[in-house]
């Protein structure tokens, strides 16, 4: 029987973060316990409302550094 291999390049799979991260993962626990919104008050005078490019959310930046520290990642570039 002759069968033709299906081209996998045209397949799309939708995956959510909730499916990828286990319910009991450390980062989920941290997210439930720590309210990172206080960071906005700490940095609001460091950002300009009408000059420059749109910024990366400061909470996201802090979370990246936090994850880097927790998991012992020596550099973001590695």
Foldseek 3Di string as FASTA:
>chain_A
DDDDDDDPVPDDDDDDVPVVDDPPDPVNVCVVPDDLPVVCVVCVVVDDPPDDDDDDPVSVVVVVVVVCVVVVPPDPVD
